[in-house]
């Protein structure tokens, strides 16, 4: 007869490569789970010791030595409590994505991930060898099967193998990154797997930002009937304890099921998390950004303040002849609303000096985007100079719609260290801005209502060269998320010439995106590690 069990889910924000720091966090959490939560077992995320994803750090011999030493040091912590810890396991020249069961000062069991994802943002077959064995551990009379992330996504086979080996409960440790549809998909899958296997499932996940990925947590427990009995708060670190009765069922408590934020709120929280962790984990004291008076930079500044605090945000308005009085007024108004350090640095002298230097070479040539780009690049010079001098990272403020069609200046407004809204379409930017203002006034209403303009020439509007953003963004989603062709997108009701022109702009501007800074991935496919189009390509607009 099994005894009651208390299992603590350690939803932690760990740092890739900081093995010693991660080990210290794990050790402290084991002690808290034992002494404060009275847990029988504490569960840590996938690859907790190395951080997730460690990528090519795994090939470095120093990583192997540090992981092995850290795992040895943690064995003594598992006294009076068991601990399940994700780590990279090095054996005979290969690496496994493994989970170590530590108990009574010993490594009592070890599970190797069987299904290695190699799609989207995942590239695990580059690093790991798949395992092929089941691990079922005994704890206070309960038999617990161990799995890692993709093992539950591919099929129910791995779970059924654990059940056939005697498991009455399955724990899956995860490094599952955020996108705005993910938590619903996770819980639907867990419900399905629990009913198929006939046992409860514990799903444990990371929180925090790592380069362009954000991990949202959402650790949860689903009983064998598919009903959710525990959900940890998204984006929050903590220890969350699941209690199981003598029959192996998780006993739900009302407060154990945290509310899920809606789509826009979850995206906002993900980006704020991504900004905070990218800036702080890379050792910067704060950020600097150009505040143009437009909606994109306004949203980025509000997010930066929410992530880092107003004292860590330095905003700069850099007007030229085409910058409207409205833009200057609105930028100053927002800076005052949020209490950031704000300066105005006119760029007319820089632009005119550049044009004077090029005057002879440009003689007889008509004005075009070159003159517009010089303005943007002068602004980039100032922002990067401030970054160098005051030690603050430059945030770029371009959105996904602009990045897709190349409506951005290489070495100008694309110059910087991190791009918070790089995966947010323009239509999503408006939704996020409305959400932020629902919390407190942060972005002047006139900024939201104005027609978008880069203000690089007289009377310029985005609509001069782009279709309406609701049309553009729908076409981009059809291309990027669904991989549809020109003909297939046209059949959805869009004008064929417009579709062909947009897809050609996307193709032609791949070289710019390859040189852009990383930004938070919030959709099913972002420009970054899961977008790998060739730079040189003859695949034209008619395709």
Protein backbone atom coordinates (compact mmCIF):
# COMPACT_ATOMS: atom_id res chain seq x y z
CA UNK A 1 0.00 0.00 0.00
CA UNK A 2 1.46 3.36 -1.03
CA UNK A 3 1.80 6.16 1.48
CA UNK A 4 0.82 9.77 0.95
CA UNK A 5 3.39 11.71 -1.08
CA UNK A 6 4.41 15.36 -1.22
CA UNK A 7 6.21 16.26 -4.42
CA UNK A 8 7.65 19.77 -4.83
CA UNK A 9 7.96 21.24 -8.31
CA UNK A 10 10.92 23.62 -8.45
CA UNK A 11 10.00 26.16 -11.12
CA UNK A 12 13.30 28.02 -11.43
CA UNK A 13 15.04 30.66 -13.55
CA UNK A 14 18.50 29.21 -14.18
CA UNK A 15 21.40 30.50 -16.29
CA UNK A 16 22.95 28.65 -19.20
CA UNK A 17 26.60 27.82 -18.53
CA UNK A 18 26.60 28.91 -14.89
CA UNK A 19 26.94 25.37 -13.57
CA UNK A 20 28.20 26.39 -10.12
CA UNK A 21 25.48 29.01 -9.71
CA UNK A 22 22.80 26.61 -10.88
CA UNK A 23 24.10 23.92 -8.50
CA UNK A 24 23.95 26.37 -5.59
CA UNK A 25 20.36 27.27 -6.48
CA UNK A 26 19.44 23.59 -6.74
CA UNK A 27 21.09 22.79 -3.39
CA UNK A 28 19.29 25.64 -1.64
CA UNK A 29 15.99 24.56 -3.21
CA UNK A 30 16.45 20.96 -2.08
CA UNK A 31 16.91 22.18 1.48
CA UNK A 32 13.83 24.41 1.26
CA UNK A 33 11.74 21.60 -0.18
CA UNK A 34 12.76 19.29 2.66
CA UNK A 35 12.77 21.70 5.60
CA UNK A 36 10.01 24.16 4.69
CA UNK A 37 7.69 22.18 2.41
CA UNK A 38 8.15 18.76 4.02
CA UNK A 39 8.42 17.24 0.55
CA UNK A 40 9.39 13.64 -0.15
CA UNK A 41 10.72 14.51 -3.61
CA UNK A 42 11.74 17.74 -5.31
CA UNK A 43 11.72 17.92 -9.12
CA UNK A 44 13.95 20.21 -11.19
CA UNK A 45 13.75 21.18 -14.88
CA UNK A 46 15.33 19.58 -17.90
CA UNK A 47 19.11 20.24 -18.05
CA UNK A 48 18.86 22.27 -14.84
CA UNK A 49 22.56 21.94 -14.07
CA UNK A 50 23.78 23.30 -17.40
CA UNK A 51 20.85 25.59 -18.07
CA UNK A 52 18.66 25.14 -21.15
CA UNK A 53 19.55 25.12 -24.00
CA UNK A 54 23.33 24.89 -23.50
CA UNK A 55 23.99 24.49 -27.24
CA UNK A 56 27.65 24.12 -28.25
CA UNK A 57 28.86 24.69 -24.69
CA UNK A 58 28.13 20.98 -24.39
CA UNK A 59 31.13 20.23 -26.59
CA UNK A 60 33.53 22.07 -24.28
CA UNK A 61 35.50 19.80 -21.97
CA UNK A 62 35.18 22.34 -19.18
CA UNK A 63 31.39 21.92 -19.23
CA UNK A 64 31.76 18.17 -18.75
CA UNK A 65 34.07 18.59 -15.76
CA UNK A 66 31.85 21.23 -14.14
CA UNK A 67 28.65 19.23 -14.57
CA UNK A 68 30.19 16.07 -13.17
CA UNK A 69 31.63 17.90 -10.16
CA UNK A 70 28.34 19.70 -9.50
CA UNK A 71 26.30 16.51 -9.66
CA UNK A 72 28.66 14.86 -7.17
CA UNK A 73 28.31 17.82 -4.81
CA UNK A 74 24.51 17.58 -4.93
CA UNK A 75 24.36 13.95 -3.84
CA UNK A 76 24.92 14.87 -0.20
CA UNK A 77 22.06 17.38 -0.34
CA UNK A 78 19.59 14.58 -1.04
CA UNK A 79 19.37 13.53 2.60
CA UNK A 80 15.87 13.00 3.95
CA UNK A 81 14.47 13.87 0.53
CA UNK A 82 14.83 12.61 -3.03
CA UNK A 83 15.72 14.98 -5.88
CA UNK A 84 15.21 14.58 -9.63
CA UNK A 85 17.63 16.81 -11.54
CA UNK A 86 18.07 17.34 -15.29
CA UNK A 87 21.67 17.38 -16.52
CA UNK A 88 23.87 16.55 -19.55
CA UNK A 89 25.41 13.13 -18.99
CA UNK A 90 28.79 12.41 -20.61
CA UNK A 91 29.52 8.71 -21.25
CA UNK A 92 32.18 7.20 -23.54
CA UNK A 93 32.32 10.14 -25.94
CA UNK A 94 28.57 10.71 -26.26
CA UNK A 95 26.17 12.99 -24.40
CA UNK A 96 22.72 12.13 -23.07
CA UNK A 97 19.97 14.51 -21.99
CA UNK A 98 19.44 12.86 -18.62
CA UNK A 99 17.61 13.04 -15.31
CA UNK A 100 19.41 11.95 -12.13
CA UNK A 101 17.45 10.59 -9.16
CA UNK A 102 19.46 11.43 -6.04
CA UNK A 103 18.50 9.92 -2.70
CA UNK A 104 20.32 9.18 0.56
CA UNK A 105 23.56 10.64 -0.78
CA UNK A 106 23.59 8.41 -3.86
CA UNK A 107 22.71 8.45 -7.53
CA UNK A 108 19.92 5.88 -7.25
CA UNK A 109 18.59 6.09 -10.80
CA UNK A 110 19.31 7.73 -14.14
CA UNK A 111 16.98 8.30 -17.10
CA UNK A 112 18.09 9.23 -20.62
CA UNK A 113 15.73 11.14 -22.89
CA UNK A 114 14.45 8.87 -25.62
CA UNK A 115 12.88 11.30 -28.12
CA UNK A 116 15.15 14.14 -29.26
CA UNK A 117 13.33 17.04 -30.97
CA UNK A 118 14.90 18.45 -34.11
CA UNK A 119 12.42 21.02 -35.40
CA UNK A 120 11.55 24.66 -34.79
CA UNK A 121 13.89 26.02 -32.12
CA UNK A 122 15.11 22.54 -31.13
CA UNK A 123 18.35 21.00 -32.38
CA UNK A 124 18.95 18.21 -29.89
CA UNK A 125 20.22 15.59 -32.34
CA UNK A 126 23.24 17.80 -32.88
CA UNK A 127 24.24 17.19 -29.27
CA UNK A 128 22.58 14.18 -27.70
CA UNK A 129 22.33 10.45 -28.17
CA UNK A 130 18.85 9.04 -27.48
CA UNK A 131 18.30 6.73 -24.55
CA UNK A 132 16.36 3.48 -24.86
CA UNK A 133 15.53 2.38 -21.31
CA UNK A 134 12.68 2.91 -18.90
CA UNK A 135 13.26 4.23 -15.38
CA UNK A 136 10.73 3.56 -12.62
CA UNK A 137 11.67 4.54 -9.06
CA UNK A 138 10.10 3.49 -5.77
CA UNK A 139 9.28 6.21 -3.24
CA UNK A 140 7.30 5.47 -0.08
CA UNK A 141 5.53 2.60 -1.80
CA UNK A 142 4.71 4.55 -4.98
CA UNK A 143 6.22 3.59 -8.31
CA UNK A 144 7.22 6.67 -10.34
CA UNK A 145 8.13 6.67 -14.03
CA UNK A 146 10.53 9.33 -15.33
CA UNK A 147 10.37 11.06 -18.72
CA UNK A 148 11.86 14.17 -20.31
CA UNK A 149 9.90 16.69 -22.40
CA UNK A 150 9.62 15.37 -25.98
CA UNK A 151 9.07 11.83 -24.68
CA UNK A 152 5.45 12.74 -23.92
CA UNK A 153 4.86 14.77 -27.10
CA UNK A 154 5.71 12.14 -29.71
CA UNK A 155 3.32 9.39 -28.56
CA UNK A 156 2.02 7.60 -25.51
CA UNK A 157 4.47 4.72 -26.07
CA UNK A 158 7.13 5.91 -23.60
CA UNK A 159 4.49 6.46 -20.92
CA UNK A 160 2.94 3.05 -21.52
CA UNK A 161 6.37 1.44 -21.29
CA UNK A 162 6.80 3.04 -17.86
CA UNK A 163 3.33 1.89 -16.80
CA UNK A 164 4.09 -1.64 -18.02
CA UNK A 165 7.20 -1.52 -15.80
CA UNK A 166 4.99 -0.74 -12.80
CA UNK A 167 4.69 3.06 -12.78
CA UNK A 168 1.58 4.46 -11.13
CA UNK A 169 2.68 8.08 -11.62
CA UNK A 170 4.76 9.73 -14.35
CA UNK A 171 6.97 12.79 -13.94
CA UNK A 172 8.10 14.70 -17.02
CA UNK A 173 10.79 17.36 -16.62
CA UNK A 174 10.86 20.02 -19.32
CA UNK A 175 12.60 22.92 -20.98
CA UNK A 176 9.57 24.03 -22.98
CA UNK A 177 9.75 27.58 -24.40
CA UNK A 178 6.85 29.99 -24.52
CA UNK A 179 4.62 30.83 -27.38
CA UNK A 180 1.17 32.23 -26.84
CA UNK A 181 -0.58 28.94 -27.68
CA UNK A 182 1.73 26.64 -25.72
CA UNK A 183 0.15 26.24 -22.26
CA UNK A 184 -3.22 25.25 -23.67
CA UNK A 185 -1.52 22.70 -25.93
CA UNK A 186 0.52 21.33 -23.03
CA UNK A 187 -2.46 20.80 -20.78
CA UNK A 188 -4.57 19.25 -23.54
CA UNK A 189 -1.74 16.83 -24.32
CA UNK A 190 -1.18 15.96 -20.66
CA UNK A 191 -4.88 15.28 -20.21
CA UNK A 192 -4.83 12.99 -23.22
CA UNK A 193 -1.67 11.15 -22.12
CA UNK A 194 -2.92 10.69 -18.56
CA UNK A 195 -6.13 9.10 -19.79
CA UNK A 196 -4.32 6.96 -22.36
CA UNK A 197 -1.79 5.69 -19.81
CA UNK A 198 -4.25 5.55 -16.92
CA UNK A 199 -1.93 7.33 -14.45
CA UNK A 200 -1.41 10.89 -13.18
CA UNK A 201 1.20 13.08 -14.89
CA UNK A 202 3.45 15.72 -13.34
CA UNK A 203 4.72 18.27 -15.83
CA UNK A 204 7.58 20.46 -14.58
CA UNK A 205 9.04 23.38 -16.53
CA UNK A 206 11.55 26.24 -16.46
CA UNK A 207 10.93 29.96 -16.20
CA UNK A 208 13.09 32.81 -17.45
CA UNK A 209 14.71 34.20 -20.58
CA UNK A 210 17.57 32.67 -22.56
CA UNK A 211 18.61 34.67 -25.62
CA UNK A 212 15.51 34.71 -27.87
CA UNK A 213 13.64 32.04 -25.90
CA UNK A 214 11.47 32.64 -22.86
CA UNK A 215 10.33 29.83 -20.58
CA UNK A 216 6.99 30.46 -18.95
CA UNK A 217 6.81 27.67 -16.39
CA UNK A 218 3.21 26.51 -16.23
CA UNK A 219 4.25 23.42 -14.25
CA UNK A 220 1.16 21.34 -13.58
CA UNK A 221 -0.35 18.05 -12.45
CA UNK A 222 -3.07 16.12 -14.25
CA UNK A 223 -4.81 13.13 -12.67
CA UNK A 224 -5.52 9.86 -14.47
CA UNK A 225 -8.99 11.08 -15.45
CA UNK A 226 -7.40 13.98 -17.32
CA UNK A 227 -8.45 16.63 -14.83
CA UNK A 228 -6.03 19.39 -13.90
CA UNK A 229 -5.27 19.44 -10.16
CA UNK A 230 -2.35 21.88 -9.94
CA UNK A 231 -0.97 24.70 -12.07
CA UNK A 232 1.95 26.86 -10.99
CA UNK A 233 1.72 30.57 -11.84
CA UNK A 234 3.21 31.34 -15.26
CA UNK A 235 6.47 33.33 -15.31
CA UNK A 236 6.98 32.97 -11.54
CA UNK A 237 9.75 31.16 -9.72
CA UNK A 238 8.82 29.07 -6.72
CA UNK A 239 8.27 25.70 -5.07
CA UNK A 240 4.82 24.29 -5.75
CA UNK A 241 3.83 21.19 -3.80
CA UNK A 242 1.52 18.47 -5.11
CA UNK A 243 -0.01 16.11 -2.56
CA UNK A 244 -0.90 12.56 -3.57
CA UNK A 245 -3.19 10.31 -1.56
CA UNK A 246 -2.79 6.59 -0.84
CA UNK A 247 -4.48 5.76 -4.14
CA UNK A 248 -1.95 7.80 -6.13
CA UNK A 249 -4.26 10.69 -7.03
CA UNK A 250 -3.25 14.32 -6.63
CA UNK A 251 -5.53 16.02 -4.15
CA UNK A 252 -6.54 19.36 -5.69
CA UNK A 253 -6.68 22.48 -3.56
CA UNK A 254 -8.47 25.55 -4.93
CA UNK A 255 -5.41 27.77 -4.59
CA UNK A 256 -3.24 25.23 -6.43
CA UNK A 257 -4.65 26.11 -9.85
CA UNK A 258 -3.21 29.47 -10.83
CA UNK A 259 -5.10 31.54 -13.36
CA UNK A 260 -3.73 31.70 -16.89
CA UNK A 261 -3.18 35.15 -18.41
CA UNK A 262 -4.94 35.80 -21.69
CA UNK A 263 -2.99 35.91 -24.94
CA UNK A 264 -1.95 39.57 -24.87
CA UNK A 265 -1.07 39.58 -21.18
CA UNK A 266 1.02 36.43 -21.55
CA UNK A 267 2.92 37.90 -24.51
CA UNK A 268 3.57 41.11 -22.58
CA UNK A 269 4.88 39.16 -19.59
CA UNK A 270 7.06 37.01 -21.83
CA UNK A 271 8.71 40.04 -23.43
CA UNK A 272 9.26 41.78 -20.10
CA UNK A 273 10.86 38.57 -18.78
CA UNK A 274 13.02 38.32 -21.90
CA UNK A 275 14.26 41.90 -21.58
CA UNK A 276 15.04 41.56 -17.88
CA UNK A 277 16.97 38.31 -18.18
CA UNK A 278 18.87 39.20 -21.35
CA UNK A 279 20.05 42.52 -19.92
CA UNK A 280 20.85 41.33 -16.39
CA UNK A 281 22.32 37.93 -17.27
CA UNK A 282 24.67 39.67 -19.71
CA UNK A 283 25.86 42.09 -17.04
CA UNK A 284 24.44 45.38 -18.30
CA UNK A 285 23.34 48.05 -15.83
CA UNK A 286 20.40 49.10 -17.99
CA UNK A 287 19.32 50.03 -21.50
CA UNK A 288 19.32 52.97 -23.87
CA UNK A 289 16.88 53.38 -26.75
CA UNK A 290 15.81 55.90 -29.32
CA UNK A 291 12.38 57.35 -28.53
CA UNK A 292 10.88 58.57 -31.80
CA UNK A 293 7.39 59.58 -30.71
CA UNK A 294 5.99 56.53 -32.51
CA UNK A 295 4.19 53.53 -31.09
CA UNK A 296 6.97 50.94 -31.43
CA UNK A 297 9.58 52.78 -29.41
CA UNK A 298 6.89 53.85 -26.93
CA UNK A 299 5.92 50.23 -26.28
CA UNK A 300 9.56 49.11 -26.01
CA UNK A 301 10.29 51.81 -23.45
CA UNK A 302 7.26 50.86 -21.34
CA UNK A 303 8.34 47.21 -21.44
CA UNK A 304 11.91 48.13 -20.50
CA UNK A 305 10.70 50.15 -17.52
CA UNK A 306 8.51 47.25 -16.38
CA UNK A 307 11.43 44.86 -16.79
CA UNK A 308 14.25 46.90 -15.28
CA UNK A 309 12.82 49.95 -13.52
CA UNK A 310 12.80 53.55 -14.72
CA UNK A 311 16.26 54.25 -13.29
CA UNK A 312 17.77 51.67 -15.65
CA UNK A 313 16.24 53.15 -18.82
CA UNK A 314 17.81 55.98 -20.80
CA UNK A 315 15.70 57.38 -23.68
CA UNK A 316 16.98 59.66 -26.44
CA UNK A 317 14.95 61.69 -28.94
CA UNK A 318 17.07 62.46 -32.03
CA UNK A 319 15.10 64.89 -34.21
CA UNK A 320 15.91 65.94 -37.77
CA UNK A 321 14.16 68.34 -40.15
CA UNK A 322 11.37 65.83 -40.87
CA UNK A 323 10.62 65.04 -37.23
CA UNK A 324 7.25 66.56 -36.43
CA UNK A 325 6.56 68.75 -33.43
CA UNK A 326 3.95 66.17 -32.46
CA UNK A 327 6.61 63.45 -32.24
CA UNK A 328 8.85 65.60 -30.07
CA UNK A 329 5.99 66.49 -27.75
CA UNK A 330 4.75 62.89 -27.46
CA UNK A 331 8.21 61.46 -26.77
CA UNK A 332 8.76 63.96 -23.97
CA UNK A 333 5.30 63.25 -22.56
CA UNK A 334 5.93 59.51 -22.39
CA UNK A 335 9.37 59.97 -20.83
CA UNK A 336 7.75 62.07 -18.10
CA UNK A 337 4.95 59.53 -17.60
CA UNK A 338 7.44 56.74 -16.97
CA UNK A 339 10.11 58.78 -15.22
CA UNK A 340 13.08 57.75 -17.37
CA UNK A 341 16.31 59.64 -18.02
CA UNK A 342 15.50 61.55 -21.22
CA UNK A 343 17.65 63.63 -23.57
CA UNK A 344 17.16 65.36 -26.91
CA UNK A 345 20.11 65.09 -29.33
CA UNK A 346 19.44 66.79 -32.72
CA UNK A 347 21.16 65.07 -35.65
CA UNK A 348 21.01 67.81 -38.30
CA UNK A 349 24.72 68.67 -37.99
CA UNK A 350 25.73 64.99 -38.28
CA UNK A 351 23.53 64.38 -41.32
CA UNK A 352 24.68 67.53 -43.09
CA UNK A 353 28.33 66.73 -42.40
CA UNK A 354 27.83 63.26 -43.88
CA UNK A 355 26.10 64.67 -46.95
CA UNK A 356 28.84 67.27 -47.43
CA UNK A 357 31.46 64.52 -47.37
CA UNK A 358 29.54 62.56 -50.01
CA UNK A 359 28.48 65.55 -52.11
CA UNK A 360 31.02 65.06 -54.90
CA UNK A 361 30.35 61.33 -55.14
CA UNK A 362 26.57 61.88 -55.20
CA UNK A 363 26.68 64.69 -57.78
CA UNK A 364 24.09 64.18 -60.51
CA UNK A 365 22.34 61.34 -58.67
CA UNK A 366 18.72 61.65 -57.59
CA UNK A 367 17.77 61.50 -53.92
CA UNK A 368 16.45 58.13 -52.77
CA UNK A 369 16.48 55.90 -49.68
CA UNK A 370 20.21 56.62 -49.27
CA UNK A 371 19.54 60.00 -47.70
CA UNK A 372 16.89 58.48 -45.42
CA UNK A 373 19.29 55.77 -44.29
CA UNK A 374 21.99 58.33 -43.43
CA UNK A 375 19.58 59.84 -40.90
CA UNK A 376 18.91 56.46 -39.32
CA UNK A 377 22.61 55.61 -39.22
CA UNK A 378 23.48 58.90 -37.52
CA UNK A 379 20.99 57.96 -34.83
CA UNK A 380 22.57 54.52 -34.55
CA UNK A 381 26.00 56.09 -34.04
CA UNK A 382 24.72 58.18 -31.14
CA UNK A 383 22.96 55.28 -29.44
CA UNK A 384 25.97 52.98 -29.74
CA UNK A 385 28.27 55.73 -28.45
CA UNK A 386 26.04 56.15 -25.39
CA UNK A 387 26.01 52.39 -24.90
CA UNK A 388 29.80 52.27 -24.98
CA UNK A 389 30.21 55.19 -22.63
CA UNK A 390 27.58 54.44 -19.97
CA UNK A 391 27.55 50.64 -20.18
CA UNK A 392 23.90 50.25 -21.12
CA UNK A 393 22.62 47.94 -23.84
CA UNK A 394 20.88 49.46 -26.87
CA UNK A 395 17.35 48.18 -27.39
CA UNK A 396 16.18 48.28 -30.99
CA UNK A 397 12.50 48.98 -31.49
CA UNK A 398 11.54 47.40 -34.83
CA UNK A 399 8.56 45.07 -35.09
CA UNK A 400 8.08 41.81 -37.00
CA UNK A 401 6.13 43.41 -39.85
CA UNK A 402 8.98 45.84 -40.52
CA UNK A 403 11.67 43.18 -40.16
CA UNK A 404 9.83 40.93 -42.60
CA UNK A 405 9.76 43.42 -45.46
CA UNK A 406 13.05 45.18 -44.70
CA UNK A 407 11.41 48.39 -43.51
CA UNK A 408 14.43 49.09 -41.32
CA UNK A 409 17.95 50.44 -41.81
CA UNK A 410 20.91 48.13 -41.48
CA UNK A 411 23.46 49.74 -39.10
CA UNK A 412 20.83 52.36 -38.28
CA UNK A 413 17.68 51.61 -36.34
CA UNK A 414 18.66 47.91 -36.46
CA UNK A 415 21.88 48.57 -34.53
CA UNK A 416 21.69 47.33 -30.95
CA UNK A 417 21.90 44.45 -28.56
CA UNK A 418 18.32 43.22 -28.16
CA UNK A 419 15.06 43.62 -30.09
CA UNK A 420 12.10 43.20 -27.69
CA UNK A 421 9.26 43.29 -30.24
CA UNK A 422 11.09 41.59 -33.09
CA UNK A 423 8.43 38.83 -33.15
CA UNK A 424 5.43 41.15 -32.70
CA UNK A 425 3.49 42.17 -35.80
CA UNK A 426 2.34 45.77 -36.02
CA UNK A 427 -1.24 44.75 -35.28
CA UNK A 428 -0.03 42.97 -32.14
CA UNK A 429 1.95 46.07 -31.14
CA UNK A 430 -1.32 48.01 -30.97
CA UNK A 431 -2.93 45.31 -28.82
CA UNK A 432 0.04 45.22 -26.46
CA UNK A 433 0.02 49.00 -26.15
CA UNK A 434 -3.67 49.02 -25.22
CA UNK A 435 -2.98 46.29 -22.65
CA UNK A 436 -0.09 48.25 -21.09
CA UNK A 437 -2.22 51.36 -20.79
CA UNK A 438 -4.94 49.32 -19.06
CA UNK A 439 -2.47 48.78 -16.20
CA UNK A 440 -1.51 52.45 -15.86
CA UNK A 441 -1.05 55.37 -18.19
CA UNK A 442 2.24 54.83 -19.98
CA UNK A 443 1.81 55.68 -23.66
CA UNK A 444 0.05 58.89 -24.79
CA UNK A 445 -3.17 58.24 -26.69
CA UNK A 446 -2.01 60.39 -29.60
CA UNK A 447 0.93 58.03 -30.13
CA UNK A 448 -1.51 55.14 -30.58
CA UNK A 449 -3.93 57.01 -32.82
CA UNK A 450 -1.42 58.57 -35.24
CA UNK A 451 -0.77 57.03 -38.64
CA UNK A 452 2.63 55.29 -38.58
CA UNK A 453 5.55 57.09 -40.22
CA UNK A 454 9.32 56.74 -40.18
CA UNK A 455 9.58 60.55 -40.66
CA UNK A 456 12.62 60.28 -42.91
CA UNK A 457 11.20 62.50 -45.68
CA UNK A 458 8.43 65.11 -45.92
CA UNK A 459 4.92 63.70 -45.48
CA UNK A 460 6.12 60.11 -45.31
CA UNK A 461 3.67 57.39 -44.20
CA UNK A 462 4.15 53.62 -43.87
CA UNK A 463 1.13 53.18 -46.14
CA UNK A 464 3.06 54.82 -49.00
CA UNK A 465 4.98 51.60 -49.57
CA UNK A 466 3.15 48.93 -47.56
CA UNK A 467 -0.41 47.58 -47.60
CA UNK A 468 -2.53 48.17 -44.48
CA UNK A 469 -0.94 46.39 -41.54
CA UNK A 470 -3.89 44.06 -40.99
CA UNK A 471 -3.43 42.82 -44.56
CA UNK A 472 0.38 42.68 -44.35
CA UNK A 473 0.34 40.80 -41.05
CA UNK A 474 -2.18 38.23 -42.25
CA UNK A 475 -0.04 37.55 -45.33
CA UNK A 476 3.07 37.22 -43.17
CA UNK A 477 1.36 34.76 -40.82
CA UNK A 478 0.25 32.67 -43.80
CA UNK A 479 3.84 32.60 -45.06
CA UNK A 480 5.71 32.14 -41.79
CA UNK A 481 3.38 30.02 -39.70
CA UNK A 482 1.65 27.99 -42.42
CA UNK A 483 4.34 28.05 -45.16
CA UNK A 484 1.74 28.85 -47.84
CA UNK A 485 2.64 29.80 -51.40
CA UNK A 486 1.59 32.92 -53.32
CA UNK A 487 -1.27 31.02 -54.92
CA UNK A 488 -2.45 29.54 -51.62
CA UNK A 489 -2.39 32.91 -49.86
CA UNK A 490 -4.21 34.52 -52.80
CA UNK A 491 -6.96 31.89 -52.45
CA UNK A 492 -7.53 33.20 -48.91
CA UNK A 493 -8.82 36.43 -50.48
CA UNK A 494 -5.72 38.62 -50.89
CA UNK A 495 -4.73 40.40 -54.08
CA UNK A 496 -2.13 38.32 -55.94
CA UNK A 497 0.21 41.18 -56.88
CA UNK A 498 0.26 42.35 -53.25
CA UNK A 499 1.00 38.84 -51.98
CA UNK A 500 3.77 38.34 -54.54
CA UNK A 501 5.31 41.73 -53.77
CA UNK A 502 5.31 41.08 -50.00
CA UNK A 503 6.81 37.61 -50.31
CA UNK A 504 9.50 38.99 -52.60
CA UNK A 505 10.30 41.70 -50.03
CA UNK A 506 10.62 39.02 -47.35
CA UNK A 507 12.99 37.00 -49.51
CA UNK A 508 15.07 40.00 -50.56
CA UNK A 509 15.64 41.24 -47.01
CA UNK A 510 16.92 38.04 -45.44
CA UNK A 511 20.44 39.53 -45.39
CA UNK A 512 19.25 42.28 -43.06
CA UNK A 513 17.58 39.91 -40.62
CA UNK A 514 20.73 37.79 -40.36
CA UNK A 515 22.50 40.87 -39.00
CA UNK A 516 19.78 41.94 -36.59
CA UNK A 517 19.99 41.46 -32.81
CA UNK A 518 18.09 38.65 -31.08
CA UNK A 519 14.62 39.31 -29.77
CA UNK A 520 11.96 37.53 -27.77
CA UNK A 521 10.21 34.69 -29.62
CA UNK A 522 6.49 34.75 -28.82
CA UNK A 523 4.88 33.13 -31.88
CA UNK A 524 4.96 29.70 -33.46
CA UNK A 525 7.75 30.90 -35.76
CA UNK A 526 10.01 33.88 -35.36
CA UNK A 527 12.87 35.37 -37.32
CA UNK A 528 15.75 33.63 -35.56
CA UNK A 529 16.67 30.06 -34.77
CA UNK A 530 13.52 28.57 -36.33
CA UNK A 531 13.67 30.64 -39.56
CA UNK A 532 16.50 29.43 -41.81
CA UNK A 533 15.94 30.77 -45.28
CA UNK A 534 19.01 31.05 -47.57
CA UNK A 535 20.61 34.44 -48.12
CA UNK A 536 21.31 33.70 -51.76
CA UNK A 537 18.25 32.30 -53.51
CA UNK A 538 16.57 32.29 -56.90
CA UNK A 539 13.21 31.37 -55.36
CA UNK A 540 11.17 34.25 -56.73
CA UNK A 541 7.90 36.05 -56.04
CA UNK A 542 5.82 33.88 -58.40
CA UNK A 543 6.34 30.79 -56.22
